Amino acid sequence: MKTAIGMISFIAVGLLAAILFGFRPEATRTLPFDEEQTGLKERIVIKFSHVVAENTPKGLAATHFAKLVKEKTNDAVEIQIFPNGMLYTEDTEVAALKRGDIQMISPSFSNLSAVDPAWLVMDLPFAFTDQQAVDKALAGELGTLLAAAMEKHHIKSVAFWSNGFKQMTNSIRPLRVPEDFAGLKFRMLPSDVVISQFQALGATTAKIPFNQVFASLKKGIVNGQENTISNIFTKQLFQTQHYMTISNHGYLGYGVMFNESFWDGLPPDIQAELQSALADTTEWMKQNTAAMQEQQLRQLKQSKDIDIHMLTPQEREQWVQAFLPIYDQYRDIIGEPLMKEIARPK
């Protein structure tokens, strides 16, 4: 009996000690400060998916944008970048954006033409003489109309990023005049205008995702492709192509897009900081893209893998004449308000 009483007393003393010393209210002691967890509940996360390499103009711009946003919002907004089609391809990223699976994308103008035909205007060959002409048009009524076209699809267009002008490459022969394209097959972006462009040159086309272009060229599925110097260089397409023509016949740019509901739900001050970061990144990208393309072209000229030809004025004129009917073909599809904002080539 004494043993039982002793055990009960021992347990009672232990419980009393625990209450007095081990389970005092939280207010009586200070918890350690975890700086990493501060503000996590308030932080806005934006998933930014794109399909090119991190060392391309768009890839570098995405990284630069994320850094600026972190600084401008004092780490209240985090841009998570998923490059190289890691999450979605050109064919699936727009649908993913509209579903809200991701919040931000930057498709090429050609890919956006599959969403709304207004964007076909940006694929018309020789529509712009230089980067300054592109910048002026997109900063004016043309850019306003293109952004408005996306509102019908519940997508918020917030910026236009540049990757410069496209050049032609192939593995068969030099491409100097339209007749040189006859019988060749080219990888193309999903744009009806681009299909018509190659048809006007007597070539056929195949729609191939960007990350499959190198393998498709190497296997001979297609003979050639059109792209900017930076994409040709960073994706090492020149290793599969023997000839490149500096034609500057088309422009490759990107529309920076947000899921509309997500954008509208952001606080006004965050929207303003994002717009500020986008404006800074757009200017930064223009300057750095031009310098990058020049450097990479110099390196390609030193390469023994590819022969580079610059179109003469006379050769360019033959290309222009071959492409002129495309303007009449797409005038009604694109619409007169957009068509009058570009210059028909002469």
Protein backbone atom coordinates (compact mmCIF):
# COMPACT_ATOMS: atom_id res chain seq x y z
CA MET A 1 0.00 0.00 0.00
CA LYS A 2 2.81 2.34 0.93
CA THR A 3 4.50 1.52 -2.36
CA ALA A 4 1.35 2.48 -4.31
CA ILE A 5 0.98 5.71 -2.36
CA GLY A 6 4.62 6.49 -3.04
CA MET A 7 4.25 5.94 -6.77
CA ILE A 8 1.17 8.16 -6.95
CA SER A 9 2.99 10.88 -5.04
CA PHE A 10 5.98 10.63 -7.39
CA ILE A 11 3.80 10.97 -10.50
CA ALA A 12 1.90 13.88 -8.99
CA VAL A 13 5.12 15.74 -8.21
CA GLY A 14 6.38 15.09 -11.75
CA LEU A 15 3.21 16.47 -13.32
CA LEU A 16 3.31 19.54 -11.11
CA ALA A 17 6.92 20.20 -12.11
CA ALA A 18 6.05 19.83 -15.79
CA ILE A 19 3.22 22.31 -15.44
CA LEU A 20 5.39 24.81 -13.58
CA PHE A 21 8.52 24.57 -15.71
CA GLY A 22 7.80 22.81 -19.01
CA PHE A 23 4.42 24.03 -20.21
CA ARG A 24 4.32 27.70 -19.33
CA PRO A 25 2.33 29.87 -21.75
CA GLU A 26 4.16 31.00 -24.96
CA ALA A 27 3.89 34.61 -23.87
CA THR A 28 6.42 33.97 -21.10
CA ARG A 29 9.25 32.97 -23.45
CA THR A 30 10.75 34.35 -26.69
CA LEU A 31 10.81 32.11 -29.78
CA PRO A 32 13.94 32.13 -31.98
CA PHE A 33 13.68 34.51 -35.00
CA ASP A 34 13.64 32.72 -38.37
CA GLU A 35 14.49 35.33 -40.99
CA GLU A 36 13.90 32.86 -43.87
CA GLN A 37 10.24 32.47 -42.93
CA THR A 38 9.53 36.18 -42.58
CA GLY A 39 6.90 37.33 -45.10
CA LEU A 40 6.54 33.95 -46.82
CA LYS A 41 2.79 34.00 -46.35
CA GLU A 42 2.61 37.45 -47.95
CA ARG A 43 5.06 36.79 -50.81
CA ILE A 44 3.54 36.68 -54.29
CA VAL A 45 4.95 33.90 -56.46
CA ILE A 46 4.83 34.25 -60.26
CA LYS A 47 5.69 31.21 -62.36
CA PHE A 48 7.29 32.40 -65.62
CA SER A 49 7.55 29.69 -68.30
CA HIS A 50 9.41 30.06 -71.59
CA VAL A 51 10.94 27.75 -74.20
CA VAL A 52 14.42 29.10 -74.99
CA ALA A 53 17.81 28.67 -73.35
CA GLU A 54 18.87 30.81 -70.40
CA ASN A 55 21.75 32.35 -72.40
CA THR A 56 19.51 33.71 -75.19
CA PRO A 57 18.21 37.31 -75.18
CA LYS A 58 14.84 36.20 -73.80
CA GLY A 59 16.40 33.89 -71.24
CA LEU A 60 18.73 36.62 -70.00
CA ALA A 61 15.88 39.15 -69.96
CA ALA A 62 13.77 36.82 -67.83
CA THR A 63 16.59 36.52 -65.29
CA HIS A 64 17.16 40.28 -65.32
CA PHE A 65 13.44 40.91 -64.83
CA ALA A 66 13.28 38.51 -61.87
CA LYS A 67 16.22 40.28 -60.22
CA LEU A 68 14.66 43.72 -60.71
CA VAL A 69 11.32 42.58 -59.32
CA LYS A 70 13.00 41.17 -56.21
CA GLU A 71 14.75 44.51 -55.65
CA LYS A 72 11.84 46.81 -56.49
CA THR A 73 9.33 44.92 -54.31
CA ASN A 74 11.75 44.30 -51.44
CA ASP A 75 11.35 40.55 -52.01
CA ALA A 76 7.55 40.73 -51.77
CA VAL A 77 7.29 39.18 -55.27
CA GLU A 78 9.23 36.14 -56.44
CA ILE A 79 9.57 35.36 -60.16
CA GLN A 80 10.19 31.64 -60.61
CA ILE A 81 11.65 31.04 -64.09
CA PHE A 82 11.20 27.77 -65.99
CA PRO A 83 13.28 27.93 -69.23
CA ASN A 84 13.84 25.53 -72.13
CA GLY A 85 10.25 24.31 -72.23
CA MET A 86 10.79 22.72 -68.83
CA LEU A 87 7.09 23.04 -67.98
CA TYR A 88 5.31 23.77 -71.26
CA THR A 89 6.07 23.93 -74.99
CA GLU A 90 4.98 26.55 -77.52
CA ASP A 91 1.88 24.44 -78.15
CA THR A 92 0.78 24.21 -74.51
CA GLU A 93 1.98 27.33 -72.68
CA VAL A 94 -0.92 29.60 -73.67
CA ALA A 95 -3.52 27.09 -72.49
CA ALA A 96 -1.57 26.64 -69.24
CA LEU A 97 -1.54 30.41 -68.74
CA LYS A 98 -5.29 30.69 -69.29
CA ARG A 99 -5.91 27.86 -66.81
CA GLY A 100 -3.77 29.63 -64.23
CA ASP A 101 -1.21 26.79 -63.97
CA ILE A 102 1.41 29.45 -64.67
CA GLN A 103 1.09 33.21 -64.38
CA MET A 104 3.49 34.53 -67.02
CA ILE A 105 4.77 33.58 -70.48
CA SER A 106 6.58 35.30 -73.36
CA PRO A 107 5.65 33.56 -76.65
CA SER A 108 7.01 34.65 -80.01
CA PHE A 109 4.79 36.88 -82.11
CA SER A 110 4.32 33.95 -84.49
CA ASN A 111 3.01 31.72 -81.72
CA LEU A 112 0.62 34.44 -80.64
CA SER A 113 -0.85 34.52 -84.15
CA ALA A 114 -2.30 31.09 -83.34
CA VAL A 115 -4.22 32.79 -80.51
CA ASP A 116 -5.37 35.82 -82.49
CA PRO A 117 -4.80 36.62 -86.20
CA ALA A 118 -3.97 40.24 -85.37
CA TRP A 119 -0.44 39.08 -84.56
CA LEU A 120 0.08 37.87 -88.14
CA VAL A 121 0.96 41.46 -88.95
CA MET A 122 4.31 41.00 -87.18
CA ASP A 123 5.25 38.11 -89.48
CA LEU A 124 4.78 39.96 -92.77
CA PRO A 125 8.17 39.83 -94.54
CA PHE A 126 10.14 43.07 -94.78
CA ALA A 127 7.44 44.93 -92.81
CA PHE A 128 10.11 46.70 -90.76
CA THR A 129 13.36 48.21 -92.01
CA ASP A 130 15.22 48.14 -88.70
CA GLN A 131 14.84 47.83 -84.92
CA GLN A 132 13.96 51.51 -84.58
CA ALA A 133 10.99 51.03 -86.90
CA VAL A 134 9.81 48.07 -84.81
CA ASP A 135 10.17 50.01 -81.56
CA LYS A 136 8.25 53.00 -82.91
CA ALA A 137 5.38 50.85 -84.18
CA LEU A 138 5.03 48.82 -80.98
CA ALA A 139 5.21 51.95 -78.82
CA GLY A 140 2.34 53.42 -80.85
CA GLU A 141 -1.03 52.34 -82.20
CA LEU A 142 0.23 48.97 -83.44
CA GLY A 143 1.23 47.91 -79.93
CA THR A 144 -2.07 49.17 -78.50
CA LEU A 145 -4.09 47.16 -81.02
CA LEU A 146 -2.08 43.99 -80.42
CA ALA A 147 -2.54 44.26 -76.66
CA ALA A 148 -6.26 44.86 -77.12
CA ALA A 149 -6.52 41.71 -79.25
CA MET A 150 -5.34 39.61 -76.30
CA GLU A 151 -7.99 41.01 -73.95
CA LYS A 152 -10.60 39.04 -75.90
CA HIS A 153 -8.77 35.90 -74.78
CA HIS A 154 -8.48 37.00 -71.12
CA ILE A 155 -4.73 37.50 -71.44
CA LYS A 156 -2.95 40.63 -70.24
CA SER A 157 -0.24 41.88 -72.61
CA VAL A 158 2.31 43.92 -70.65
CA ALA A 159 5.43 44.30 -72.81
CA PHE A 160 7.16 43.53 -76.11
CA TRP A 161 10.62 41.98 -75.98
CA SER A 162 13.03 41.88 -78.91
CA ASN A 163 15.28 39.22 -80.39
CA GLY A 164 16.09 40.97 -83.65
CA PHE A 165 15.68 39.95 -87.26
CA LYS A 166 15.56 36.46 -88.73
CA GLN A 167 18.06 34.92 -91.12
CA MET A 168 17.73 31.89 -93.40
CA THR A 169 19.85 28.74 -93.03
CA ASN A 170 19.92 25.39 -94.81
CA SER A 171 22.15 22.38 -95.41
CA ILE A 172 21.83 22.07 -99.20
CA ARG A 173 22.91 25.24 -101.04
CA PRO A 174 23.36 29.01 -100.74
CA LEU A 175 20.10 30.99 -100.69
CA ARG A 176 20.58 34.12 -102.75
CA VAL A 177 17.46 34.42 -104.92
CA PRO A 178 13.94 33.00 -104.52
CA GLU A 179 14.64 30.18 -106.99
CA ASP A 180 17.25 28.77 -104.61
CA PHE A 181 14.49 27.72 -102.19
CA ALA A 182 12.72 25.42 -104.66
CA GLY A 183 12.26 21.88 -103.33
CA LEU A 184 13.67 22.61 -99.85
CA LYS A 185 11.81 21.94 -96.60
CA PHE A 186 11.99 24.43 -93.72
CA ARG A 187 11.09 24.30 -90.05
CA MET A 188 8.71 27.12 -89.27
CA LEU A 189 6.94 28.78 -86.38
CA PRO A 190 3.13 28.25 -86.31
CA SER A 191 2.12 31.20 -88.48
CA ASP A 192 0.03 31.18 -91.65
CA VAL A 193 2.00 34.16 -92.95
CA VAL A 194 5.25 32.21 -92.56
CA ILE A 195 3.73 29.28 -94.47
CA SER A 196 2.76 31.67 -97.28
CA GLN A 197 6.24 33.18 -97.19
CA PHE A 198 7.92 29.84 -97.89
CA GLN A 199 5.28 28.92 -100.47
CA ALA A 200 6.11 32.13 -102.31
CA LEU A 201 9.72 30.94 -102.38
CA GLY A 202 8.79 27.47 -103.68
CA ALA A 203 9.64 25.67 -100.43
CA THR A 204 7.60 23.44 -98.13
CA THR A 205 7.37 23.68 -94.35
CA ALA A 206 7.09 21.62 -91.17
CA LYS A 207 5.91 22.87 -87.79
CA ILE A 208 8.49 21.69 -85.23
CA PRO A 209 8.83 22.84 -81.58
CA PHE A 210 11.89 24.98 -80.97
CA ASN A 211 13.60 22.47 -78.68
CA GLN A 212 13.39 19.80 -81.41
CA VAL A 213 14.85 21.92 -84.20
CA PHE A 214 18.49 20.82 -83.80
CA ALA A 215 17.61 17.11 -83.88
CA SER A 216 15.24 17.59 -86.83
CA LEU A 217 17.92 19.38 -88.85
CA LYS A 218 20.54 16.79 -87.95
CA LYS A 219 18.27 13.92 -88.98
CA GLY A 220 17.35 15.63 -92.25
CA ILE A 221 13.64 15.84 -91.39
CA VAL A 222 13.92 19.41 -92.65
CA ASN A 223 16.67 21.03 -94.74
CA GLY A 224 16.60 24.45 -93.17
CA GLN A 225 15.03 27.01 -90.85
CA GLU A 226 14.76 30.74 -90.18
CA ASN A 227 15.88 32.29 -86.92
CA THR A 228 17.77 35.07 -85.23
CA ILE A 229 21.54 34.90 -84.96
CA SER A 230 21.34 34.41 -81.20
CA ASN A 231 19.07 31.36 -81.52
CA ILE A 232 21.20 29.92 -84.33
CA PHE A 233 24.30 30.38 -82.19
CA THR A 234 23.09 29.33 -78.73
CA LYS A 235 21.24 26.25 -80.03
CA GLN A 236 24.28 25.41 -82.23
CA LEU A 237 22.08 25.10 -85.29
CA PHE A 238 25.06 26.14 -87.40
CA GLN A 239 26.55 22.68 -86.77
CA THR A 240 23.77 21.15 -88.87
CA GLN A 241 23.55 23.91 -91.49
CA HIS A 242 26.14 24.66 -94.15
CA TYR A 243 24.72 27.95 -95.41
CA MET A 244 23.27 31.09 -93.84
CA THR A 245 21.86 34.14 -95.60
CA ILE A 246 21.77 37.45 -93.75
CA SER A 247 18.39 38.54 -95.05
CA ASN A 248 16.69 40.36 -92.15
CA HIS A 249 13.45 39.42 -93.90
CA GLY A 250 11.34 38.94 -90.76
CA TYR A 251 11.28 40.05 -87.16
CA LEU A 252 11.30 37.81 -84.09
CA GLY A 253 9.89 39.38 -80.97
CA TYR A 254 8.02 38.19 -77.89
CA GLY A 255 4.82 39.31 -76.23
CA VAL A 256 5.13 39.28 -72.45
CA MET A 257 1.81 38.01 -71.10
CA PHE A 258 0.08 37.48 -67.74
CA ASN A 259 -2.97 35.50 -66.82
CA GLU A 260 -5.56 38.28 -66.80
CA SER A 261 -7.36 37.24 -63.60
CA PHE A 262 -4.05 36.92 -61.76
CA TRP A 263 -2.90 40.34 -62.97
CA ASP A 264 -6.19 42.02 -62.05
CA GLY A 265 -5.96 40.51 -58.57
CA LEU A 266 -2.57 42.05 -57.83
CA PRO A 267 -2.42 45.14 -55.59
CA PRO A 268 -2.01 48.35 -57.66
CA ASP A 269 1.40 49.08 -56.13
CA ILE A 270 2.67 45.61 -57.15
CA GLN A 271 1.31 46.09 -60.68
CA ALA A 272 3.20 49.39 -60.87
CA GLU A 273 6.47 47.82 -59.71
CA LEU A 274 6.10 44.98 -62.21
CA GLN A 275 5.46 47.46 -65.02
CA SER A 276 8.50 49.45 -63.95
CA ALA A 277 10.67 46.32 -63.94
CA LEU A 278 9.31 45.32 -67.36
CA ALA A 279 10.07 48.75 -68.84
CA ASP A 280 13.63 48.64 -67.48
CA THR A 281 14.11 45.08 -68.74
CA THR A 282 12.79 45.91 -72.20
CA GLU A 283 15.35 48.71 -72.63
CA TRP A 284 18.12 46.57 -71.16
CA MET A 285 17.22 43.77 -73.56
CA LYS A 286 17.32 45.98 -76.66
CA GLN A 287 20.83 47.18 -75.87
CA ASN A 288 22.20 43.78 -74.93
CA THR A 289 20.53 41.86 -77.76
CA ALA A 290 22.13 44.03 -80.44
CA ALA A 291 25.59 43.65 -78.89
CA MET A 292 25.13 39.90 -78.47
CA GLN A 293 24.01 39.38 -82.06
CA GLU A 294 27.01 41.32 -83.40
CA GLN A 295 29.46 39.31 -81.31
CA GLN A 296 27.88 35.98 -82.24
CA LEU A 297 27.84 36.86 -85.95
CA ARG A 298 31.58 37.58 -85.75
CA GLN A 299 32.12 34.17 -84.19
CA LEU A 300 29.98 32.45 -86.82
CA LYS A 301 31.99 34.13 -89.58
CA GLN A 302 35.12 32.58 -88.08
CA SER A 303 33.52 29.14 -88.00
CA LYS A 304 34.32 26.60 -90.71
CA ASP A 305 30.93 24.96 -90.24
CA ILE A 306 28.82 27.50 -92.10
CA ASP A 307 29.14 29.76 -95.14
CA ILE A 308 27.52 33.18 -94.65
CA HIS A 309 26.10 35.30 -97.47
CA MET A 310 24.79 38.86 -97.15
CA LEU A 311 21.92 39.70 -99.51
CA THR A 312 22.85 42.32 -102.09
CA PRO A 313 20.33 45.13 -102.76
CA GLN A 314 19.46 43.47 -106.08
CA GLU A 315 18.89 40.07 -104.45
CA ARG A 316 16.81 41.64 -101.67
CA GLU A 317 14.58 43.27 -104.26
CA GLN A 318 13.84 39.86 -105.79
CA TRP A 319 12.79 38.58 -102.36
CA VAL A 320 10.58 41.64 -101.81
CA GLN A 321 8.80 41.17 -105.12
CA ALA A 322 8.18 37.50 -104.34
CA PHE A 323 6.61 38.44 -101.01
CA LEU A 324 4.40 41.38 -102.08
CA PRO A 325 1.29 39.25 -102.85
CA ILE A 326 1.26 38.10 -99.21
CA TYR A 327 0.23 41.60 -98.14
CA ASP A 328 -2.93 41.46 -100.23
CA GLN A 329 -3.57 37.85 -99.18
CA TYR A 330 -3.70 38.74 -95.45
CA ARG A 331 -5.07 42.28 -95.53
CA ASP A 332 -8.64 41.26 -94.65
CA ILE A 333 -7.55 38.61 -92.14
CA ILE A 334 -5.31 40.99 -90.20
CA GLY A 335 -7.55 44.00 -90.64
CA GLU A 336 -6.98 47.46 -92.09
CA PRO A 337 -6.34 49.22 -88.72
CA LEU A 338 -3.28 47.03 -88.16
CA MET A 339 -2.15 46.92 -91.79
CA LYS A 340 -1.93 50.72 -92.01
CA GLU A 341 0.49 50.75 -89.07
CA ILE A 342 3.24 48.99 -91.04
CA ALA A 343 5.08 49.96 -94.19
CA ARG A 344 4.52 47.84 -97.30
CA PRO A 345 8.03 47.05 -98.57
CA LYS A 346 9.25 48.85 -101.69
